Amino acid sequence: MAEASITLSVDLRTALGKKNRALRRQGITPVHIYGLNEDSESLQANDRELISVLRAAGRTTPVTLKVSGGKETITIVREIARHAVSGDVQHVDFQRVDVQQEVQTPVPVSLTGQEAAPGTSGGAGVVTQGSFEILVRAKPFDVPHEIVVDCSGLMKIDSAILAGEIKLPAGVTLVGPADDRIAWIQPPRVSADDDAAADAAVAEGEDSEDADDGDSEETGDG
């Protein structure tokens, strides 16, 4: 896979702890960098630039952190802390990586070909996604941004695609369980309306039986 280059400009951060709130009010997000047996560093980045980089890189594409007046470091995104209510990014952890050494990282999985799967013909079933990411090992620039799984070969109800059956790009190895179900054909679920109709039918049948029993008892007494 060709090397992609995403760069984020950062500054050294002296505001720590509760002082980070003041930074966020100024449109600056605290970030942290660690790994490769080097000292961790407290940094900060412009909100808009950081969010743009996170959208482009996800957790798979390497990000080069360029410290003003300092060196450039290749990293991958490890943790994103968000505000519990607003969802705004509060803090980001970056891990240093050696581009020649493999890393383990989760990669998002997306599905295609659901409508073409024979197992869904005539409403027989629907394609259900079980896992939305898989754990792989690869060199940083070989990690795919996402893995697309073709579901058009799912032939019948309960047909499934397992993680170990996915064809991965060259240089990428599956680390997670091979028997994880990525997608399968599931029978259509009974709707709440159908359940209500069935319950009503059962109740009506029981009422009818009770009425019949009552008529029988009256006839017997007569």
C-alpha atoms as a PDB file:
ATOM      1  CA  MET A   1       0.000   0.000   0.000  1.00  0.00           C
ATOM      2  CA  ALA A   2       1.331   3.432  -0.915  1.00  0.00           C
ATOM      3  CA  GLU A   3       2.355   5.590   1.981  1.00  0.00           C
ATOM      4  CA  ALA A   4      -0.160   8.266   2.935  1.00  0.00           C
ATOM      5  CA  SER A   5       0.936  11.459   4.603  1.00  0.00           C
ATOM      6  CA  ILE A   6      -1.258  13.313   7.091  1.00  0.00           C
ATOM      7  CA  THR A   7       0.406  16.032   9.128  1.00  0.00           C
ATOM      8  CA  LEU A   8      -0.789  17.828  12.246  1.00  0.00           C
ATOM      9  CA  SER A   9       0.970  20.896  13.596  1.00  0.00           C
ATOM     10  CA  VAL A  10       1.219  20.896  17.400  1.00  0.00           C
ATOM     11  CA  ASP A  11       2.809  22.992  20.129  1.00  0.00           C
ATOM     12  CA  LEU A  12       4.364  22.079  23.437  1.00  0.00           C
ATOM     13  CA  ARG A  13       1.806  22.336  26.246  1.00  0.00           C
ATOM     14  CA  THR A  14       2.504  23.833  29.649  1.00  0.00           C
ATOM     15  CA  ALA A  15      -1.132  24.023  30.819  1.00  0.00           C
ATOM     16  CA  LEU A  16      -1.957  20.840  32.722  1.00  0.00           C
ATOM     17  CA  GLY A  17      -4.842  19.521  34.775  1.00  0.00           C
ATOM     18  CA  LYS A  18      -7.720  21.969  35.287  1.00  0.00           C
ATOM     19  CA  LYS A  19      -5.907  24.609  33.231  1.00  0.00           C
ATOM     20  CA  ASN A  20      -6.781  22.564  30.127  1.00  0.00           C
ATOM     21  CA  ARG A  21     -10.323  23.935  30.367  1.00  0.00           C
ATOM     22  CA  ALA A  22      -8.993  27.396  29.555  1.00  0.00           C
ATOM     23  CA  LEU A  23      -7.224  25.970  26.504  1.00  0.00           C
ATOM     24  CA  ARG A  24     -10.417  24.383  25.211  1.00  0.00           C
ATOM     25  CA  ARG A  25     -12.257  27.693  25.555  1.00  0.00           C
ATOM     26  CA  GLN A  26      -9.579  29.164  23.242  1.00  0.00           C
ATOM     27  CA  GLY A  27     -10.195  26.496  20.584  1.00  0.00           C
ATOM     28  CA  ILE A  28      -7.180  24.403  21.576  1.00  0.00           C
ATOM     29  CA  THR A  29      -7.284  20.694  22.414  1.00  0.00           C
ATOM     30  CA  PRO A  30      -4.745  18.975  24.692  1.00  0.00           C
ATOM     31  CA  VAL A  31      -2.983  16.002  23.100  1.00  0.00           C
ATOM     32  CA  HIS A  32      -0.492  13.480  24.409  1.00  0.00           C
ATOM     33  CA  ILE A  33       2.224  11.478  22.659  1.00  0.00           C
ATOM     34  CA  TYR A  34       3.952   8.347  23.999  1.00  0.00           C
ATOM     35  CA  GLY A  35       5.657   5.130  22.941  1.00  0.00           C
ATOM     36  CA  LEU A  36       8.906   3.691  21.503  1.00  0.00           C
ATOM     37  CA  ASN A  37      10.549   3.837  24.940  1.00  0.00           C
ATOM     38  CA  GLU A  38      10.720   7.615  24.798  1.00  0.00           C
ATOM     39  CA  ASP A  39       9.406  10.103  27.341  1.00  0.00           C
ATOM     40  CA  SER A  40       5.785  11.070  26.915  1.00  0.00           C
ATOM     41  CA  GLU A  41       5.053  14.628  25.827  1.00  0.00           C
ATOM     42  CA  SER A  42       2.175  16.994  26.551  1.00  0.00           C
ATOM     43  CA  LEU A  43       1.170  18.872  23.410  1.00  0.00           C
ATOM     44  CA  GLN A  44      -1.728  20.928  22.093  1.00  0.00           C
ATOM     45  CA  ALA A  45      -3.409  21.397  18.722  1.00  0.00           C
ATOM     46  CA  ASN A  46      -5.890  23.716  17.054  1.00  0.00           C
ATOM     47  CA  ASP A  47      -9.403  22.267  17.360  1.00  0.00           C
ATOM     48  CA  ARG A  48     -10.370  22.523  13.705  1.00  0.00           C
ATOM     49  CA  GLU A  49      -7.084  21.152  12.408  1.00  0.00           C
ATOM     50  CA  LEU A  50      -7.194  18.271  14.872  1.00  0.00           C
ATOM     51  CA  ILE A  51     -10.774  17.278  13.996  1.00  0.00           C
ATOM     52  CA  SER A  52      -9.942  17.399  10.277  1.00  0.00           C
ATOM     53  CA  VAL A  53      -6.968  15.110  10.843  1.00  0.00           C
ATOM     54  CA  LEU A  54      -8.980  12.683  12.981  1.00  0.00           C
ATOM     55  CA  ARG A  55     -11.626  12.395  10.271  1.00  0.00           C
ATOM     56  CA  ALA A  56      -9.031  11.723   7.597  1.00  0.00           C
ATOM     57  CA  ALA A  57      -6.845   9.336   9.582  1.00  0.00           C
ATOM     58  CA  GLY A  58      -9.266   7.494  11.824  1.00  0.00           C
ATOM     59  CA  ARG A  59      -7.364   5.002  13.960  1.00  0.00           C
ATOM     60  CA  THR A  60      -5.534   3.400  11.056  1.00  0.00           C
ATOM     61  CA  THR A  61      -3.674   5.982   8.973  1.00  0.00           C
ATOM     62  CA  PRO A  62      -0.386   7.304  10.429  1.00  0.00           C
ATOM     63  CA  VAL A  63      -0.297  10.948  11.480  1.00  0.00           C
ATOM     64  CA  THR A  64       2.923  12.954  11.465  1.00  0.00           C
ATOM     65  CA  LEU A  65       2.996  15.314  14.438  1.00  0.00           C
ATOM     66  CA  LYS A  66       5.054  18.379  13.623  1.00  0.00           C
ATOM     67  CA  VAL A  67       6.088  20.221  16.761  1.00  0.00           C
ATOM     68  CA  SER A  68       6.741  23.916  16.136  1.00  0.00           C
ATOM     69  CA  GLY A  69      10.477  24.459  16.252  1.00  0.00           C
ATOM     70  CA  GLY A  70      11.045  20.749  16.859  1.00  0.00           C
ATOM     71  CA  LYS A  71      11.093  17.357  15.173  1.00  0.00           C
ATOM     72  CA  GLU A  72       8.442  15.424  13.266  1.00  0.00           C
ATOM     73  CA  THR A  73       7.119  12.188  14.752  1.00  0.00           C
ATOM     74  CA  ILE A  74       5.048   9.508  13.034  1.00  0.00           C
ATOM     75  CA  THR A  75       2.164   8.313  15.195  1.00  0.00           C
ATOM     76  CA  ILE A  76      -1.201   6.601  15.130  1.00  0.00           C
ATOM     77  CA  VAL A  77      -4.315   7.700  17.015  1.00  0.00           C
ATOM     78  CA  ARG A  78      -4.872   5.525  20.090  1.00  0.00           C
ATOM     79  CA  GLU A  79      -7.491   7.183  22.295  1.00  0.00           C
ATOM     80  CA  ILE A  80     -10.020   9.965  21.750  1.00  0.00           C
ATOM     81  CA  ALA A  81     -11.729  11.355  24.855  1.00  0.00           C
ATOM     82  CA  ARG A  82     -15.044  13.103  24.207  1.00  0.00           C
ATOM     83  CA  HIS A  83     -17.373  15.196  26.343  1.00  0.00           C
ATOM     84  CA  ALA A  84     -20.126  13.005  27.779  1.00  0.00           C
ATOM     85  CA  VAL A  85     -22.902  15.399  26.709  1.00  0.00           C
ATOM     86  CA  SER A  86     -21.712  17.418  23.700  1.00  0.00           C
ATOM     87  CA  GLY A  87     -19.481  14.750  22.164  1.00  0.00           C
ATOM     88  CA  ASP A  88     -16.758  17.343  21.570  1.00  0.00           C
ATOM     89  CA  VAL A  89     -13.177  16.064  21.470  1.00  0.00           C
ATOM     90  CA  GLN A  90     -11.552  16.739  24.855  1.00  0.00           C
ATOM     91  CA  HIS A  91      -8.205  14.987  24.547  1.00  0.00           C
ATOM     92  CA  VAL A  92      -6.333  12.749  22.095  1.00  0.00           C
ATOM     93  CA  ASP A  93      -3.552  10.229  22.707  1.00  0.00           C
ATOM     94  CA  PHE A  94      -1.083   9.518  19.899  1.00  0.00           C
ATOM     95  CA  GLN A  95       1.338   6.578  19.946  1.00  0.00           C
ATOM     96  CA  ARG A  96       4.755   6.832  18.310  1.00  0.00           C
ATOM     97  CA  VAL A  97       5.389   4.118  15.715  1.00  0.00           C
ATOM     98  CA  ASP A  98       8.373   2.771  13.815  1.00  0.00           C
ATOM     99  CA  VAL A  99       7.306   2.518  10.172  1.00  0.00           C
ATOM    100  CA  GLN A 100       9.396  -0.655   9.827  1.00  0.00           C
ATOM    101  CA  GLN A 101       7.765  -2.423  12.759  1.00  0.00           C
ATOM    102  CA  GLU A 102       4.309  -3.979  12.763  1.00  0.00           C
ATOM    103  CA  VAL A 103       1.574  -2.614  15.008  1.00  0.00           C
ATOM    104  CA  GLN A 104      -1.730  -4.064  16.143  1.00  0.00           C
ATOM    105  CA  THR A 105      -4.751  -1.910  15.455  1.00  0.00           C
ATOM    106  CA  PRO A 106      -8.519  -2.269  14.918  1.00  0.00           C
ATOM    107  CA  VAL A 107      -9.727  -1.612  11.369  1.00  0.00           C
ATOM    108  CA  PRO A 108     -13.347  -0.680  10.557  1.00  0.00           C
ATOM    109  CA  VAL A 109     -15.390  -3.177   8.510  1.00  0.00           C
ATOM    110  CA  SER A 110     -18.078  -2.112   6.036  1.00  0.00           C
ATOM    111  CA  LEU A 111     -20.408  -4.344   4.010  1.00  0.00           C
ATOM    112  CA  THR A 112     -21.343  -4.329   0.334  1.00  0.00           C
ATOM    113  CA  GLY A 113     -23.539  -6.497  -1.887  1.00  0.00           C
ATOM    114  CA  GLN A 114     -26.248  -7.058   0.720  1.00  0.00           C
ATOM    115  CA  GLU A 115     -29.084  -6.721  -1.803  1.00  0.00           C
ATOM    116  CA  ALA A 116     -27.425  -9.214  -4.165  1.00  0.00           C
ATOM    117  CA  ALA A 117     -27.151 -11.986  -1.568  1.00  0.00           C
ATOM    118  CA  PRO A 118     -29.347 -14.957  -2.668  1.00  0.00           C
ATOM    119  CA  GLY A 119     -30.282 -15.552   0.963  1.00  0.00           C
ATOM    120  CA  THR A 120     -32.263 -12.300   0.997  1.00  0.00           C
ATOM    121  CA  SER A 121     -34.319 -13.149  -2.118  1.00  0.00           C
ATOM    122  CA  GLY A 122     -38.053 -12.625  -1.702  1.00  0.00           C
ATOM    123  CA  GLY A 123     -37.635 -11.299   1.813  1.00  0.00           C
ATOM    124  CA  ALA A 124     -36.341 -14.666   3.050  1.00  0.00           C
ATOM    125  CA  GLY A 125     -33.799 -12.962   5.281  1.00  0.00           C
ATOM    126  CA  VAL A 126     -31.702  -9.867   5.861  1.00  0.00           C
ATOM    127  CA  VAL A 127     -27.953  -9.347   6.049  1.00  0.00           C
ATOM    128  CA  THR A 128     -26.904  -8.633   9.628  1.00  0.00           C
ATOM    129  CA  GLN A 129     -23.504  -7.226  10.599  1.00  0.00           C
ATOM    130  CA  GLY A 130     -22.003  -8.715  13.739  1.00  0.00           C
ATOM    131  CA  SER A 131     -18.545  -7.126  13.930  1.00  0.00           C
ATOM    132  CA  PHE A 132     -17.840  -3.566  12.884  1.00  0.00           C
ATOM    133  CA  GLU A 133     -14.052  -3.823  13.185  1.00  0.00           C
ATOM    134  CA  ILE A 134     -11.356  -6.485  13.241  1.00  0.00           C
ATOM    135  CA  LEU A 135      -7.944  -6.464  14.902  1.00  0.00           C
ATOM    136  CA  VAL A 136      -5.015  -6.767  12.492  1.00  0.00           C
ATOM    137  CA  ARG A 137      -1.237  -6.563  12.510  1.00  0.00           C
ATOM    138  CA  ALA A 138       0.744  -4.694   9.851  1.00  0.00           C
ATOM    139  CA  LYS A 139       3.371  -2.024   9.330  1.00  0.00           C
ATOM    140  CA  PRO A 140       1.840   1.417   9.947  1.00  0.00           C
ATOM    141  CA  PHE A 141       1.590   2.443   6.297  1.00  0.00           C
ATOM    142  CA  ASP A 142       0.221  -0.989   5.284  1.00  0.00           C
ATOM    143  CA  VAL A 143      -2.798  -0.806   7.581  1.00  0.00           C
ATOM    144  CA  PRO A 144      -5.947  -0.359   5.427  1.00  0.00           C
ATOM    145  CA  HIS A 145      -8.248   2.563   6.226  1.00  0.00           C
ATOM    146  CA  GLU A 146     -11.177   0.127   6.166  1.00  0.00           C
ATOM    147  CA  ILE A 147     -11.985  -3.417   5.064  1.00  0.00           C
ATOM    148  CA  VAL A 148     -14.914  -3.899   2.679  1.00  0.00           C
ATOM    149  CA  VAL A 149     -16.653  -7.293   2.883  1.00  0.00           C
ATOM    150  CA  ASP A 150     -18.722  -8.546  -0.078  1.00  0.00           C
ATOM    151  CA  CYS A 151     -21.940 -10.209   1.109  1.00  0.00           C
ATOM    152  CA  SER A 152     -23.247 -11.231  -2.318  1.00  0.00           C
ATOM    153  CA  GLY A 153     -22.135 -14.828  -1.727  1.00  0.00           C
ATOM    154  CA  LEU A 154     -24.410 -15.418   1.276  1.00  0.00           C
ATOM    155  CA  MET A 155     -26.652 -18.141  -0.138  1.00  0.00           C
ATOM    156  CA  LYS A 156     -29.224 -19.031   2.530  1.00  0.00           C
ATOM    157  CA  ILE A 157     -30.534 -18.408   6.047  1.00  0.00           C
ATOM    158  CA  ASP A 158     -27.727 -18.571   8.615  1.00  0.00           C
ATOM    159  CA  SER A 159     -25.022 -18.354   5.923  1.00  0.00           C
ATOM    160  CA  ALA A 160     -22.160 -16.374   7.476  1.00  0.00           C
ATOM    161  CA  ILE A 161     -18.839 -14.722   6.708  1.00  0.00           C
ATOM    162  CA  LEU A 162     -16.200 -15.264   9.397  1.00  0.00           C
ATOM    163  CA  ALA A 163     -13.258 -12.973  10.129  1.00  0.00           C
ATOM    164  CA  GLY A 164     -10.830 -15.709   9.090  1.00  0.00           C
ATOM    165  CA  GLU A 165     -12.453 -15.892   5.649  1.00  0.00           C
ATOM    166  CA  ILE A 166     -11.812 -12.248   4.764  1.00  0.00           C
ATOM    167  CA  LYS A 167      -9.103 -11.700   2.177  1.00  0.00           C
ATOM    168  CA  LEU A 168      -6.761  -9.106   3.677  1.00  0.00           C
ATOM    169  CA  PRO A 169      -4.323  -6.896   1.745  1.00  0.00           C
ATOM    170  CA  ALA A 170      -0.698  -7.966   1.383  1.00  0.00           C
ATOM    171  CA  GLY A 171       1.281  -7.438   4.571  1.00  0.00           C
ATOM    172  CA  VAL A 172      -1.823  -7.465   6.780  1.00  0.00           C
ATOM    173  CA  THR A 173      -2.483 -10.332   9.228  1.00  0.00           C
ATOM    174  CA  LEU A 174      -5.596 -11.046  11.276  1.00  0.00           C
ATOM    175  CA  VAL A 175      -4.948 -10.931  15.022  1.00  0.00           C
ATOM    176  CA  GLY A 176      -8.486 -11.185  16.406  1.00  0.00           C
ATOM    177  CA  PRO A 177     -10.547 -14.418  16.583  1.00  0.00           C
ATOM    178  CA  ALA A 178     -10.912 -16.095  13.177  1.00  0.00           C
ATOM    179  CA  ASP A 179     -14.386 -17.409  14.067  1.00  0.00           C
ATOM    180  CA  ASP A 180     -15.931 -13.985  14.739  1.00  0.00           C
ATOM    181  CA  ARG A 181     -19.031 -13.614  12.559  1.00  0.00           C
ATOM    182  CA  ILE A 182     -18.724 -10.495  10.449  1.00  0.00           C
ATOM    183  CA  ALA A 183     -22.046 -10.859   8.627  1.00  0.00           C
ATOM    184  CA  TRP A 184     -24.793 -13.438   8.162  1.00  0.00           C
ATOM    185  CA  ILE A 185     -28.300 -13.957   6.794  1.00  0.00           C
ATOM    186  CA  GLN A 186     -30.892 -13.672   9.523  1.00  0.00           C
ATOM    187  CA  PRO A 187     -34.596 -14.537   9.191  1.00  0.00           C
ATOM    188  CA  PRO A 188     -36.843 -11.454   9.183  1.00  0.00           C
ATOM    189  CA  ARG A 189     -38.032 -10.541  12.625  1.00  0.00           C
ATOM    190  CA  VAL A 190     -41.709 -10.593  13.524  1.00  0.00           C
ATOM    191  CA  SER A 191     -42.925  -7.008  13.922  1.00  0.00           C
ATOM    192  CA  ALA A 192     -44.680  -5.673  16.994  1.00  0.00           C
ATOM    193  CA  ASP A 193     -47.906  -5.380  14.937  1.00  0.00           C
ATOM    194  CA  ASP A 194     -47.649  -9.046  13.973  1.00  0.00           C
ATOM    195  CA  ASP A 195     -47.115  -9.977  17.625  1.00  0.00           C
ATOM    196  CA  ALA A 196     -50.150  -7.932  18.648  1.00  0.00           C
ATOM    197  CA  ALA A 197     -52.292  -9.522  15.938  1.00  0.00           C
ATOM    198  CA  ALA A 198     -51.202 -12.993  17.011  1.00  0.00           C
ATOM    199  CA  ASP A 199     -51.964 -12.226  20.654  1.00  0.00           C
ATOM    200  CA  ALA A 200     -55.387 -10.866  19.694  1.00  0.00           C
ATOM    201  CA  ALA A 201     -56.129 -13.993  17.677  1.00  0.00           C
ATOM    202  CA  VAL A 202     -55.172 -16.215  20.608  1.00  0.00           C
ATOM    203  CA  ALA A 203     -57.270 -14.143  23.012  1.00  0.00           C
ATOM    204  CA  GLU A 204     -60.258 -14.259  20.640  1.00  0.00           C
ATOM    205  CA  GLY A 205     -59.932 -18.026  20.389  1.00  0.00           C
ATOM    206  CA  GLU A 206     -59.850 -18.374  24.166  1.00  0.00           C
ATOM    207  CA  ASP A 207     -62.955 -16.171  24.537  1.00  0.00           C
ATOM    208  CA  SER A 208     -64.774 -18.294  21.965  1.00  0.00           C
ATOM    209  CA  GLU A 209     -63.893 -21.483  23.820  1.00  0.00           C
ATOM    210  CA  ASP A 210     -65.097 -19.970  27.097  1.00  0.00           C
ATOM    211  CA  ALA A 211     -68.406 -19.026  25.472  1.00  0.00           C
ATOM    212  CA  ASP A 212     -68.840 -22.515  24.089  1.00  0.00           C
ATOM    213  CA  ASP A 213     -68.147 -24.003  27.519  1.00  0.00           C
ATOM    214  CA  GLY A 214     -70.751 -21.731  29.061  1.00  0.00           C
ATOM    215  CA  ASP A 215     -73.411 -22.790  26.548  1.00  0.00           C
ATOM    216  CA  SER A 216     -72.667 -26.441  27.210  1.00  0.00           C
ATOM    217  CA  GLU A 217     -73.061 -26.039  30.966  1.00  0.00           C
ATOM    218  CA  GLU A 218     -76.435 -24.284  30.581  1.00  0.00           C
ATOM    219  CA  THR A 219     -77.718 -27.012  28.288  1.00  0.00           C
ATOM    220  CA  GLY A 220     -76.624 -29.679  30.745  1.00  0.00           C
ATOM    221  CA  ASP A 221     -78.428 -28.003  33.655  1.00  0.00           C
ATOM    222  CA  GLY A 222     -81.627 -27.733  31.637  1.00  0.00           C
END
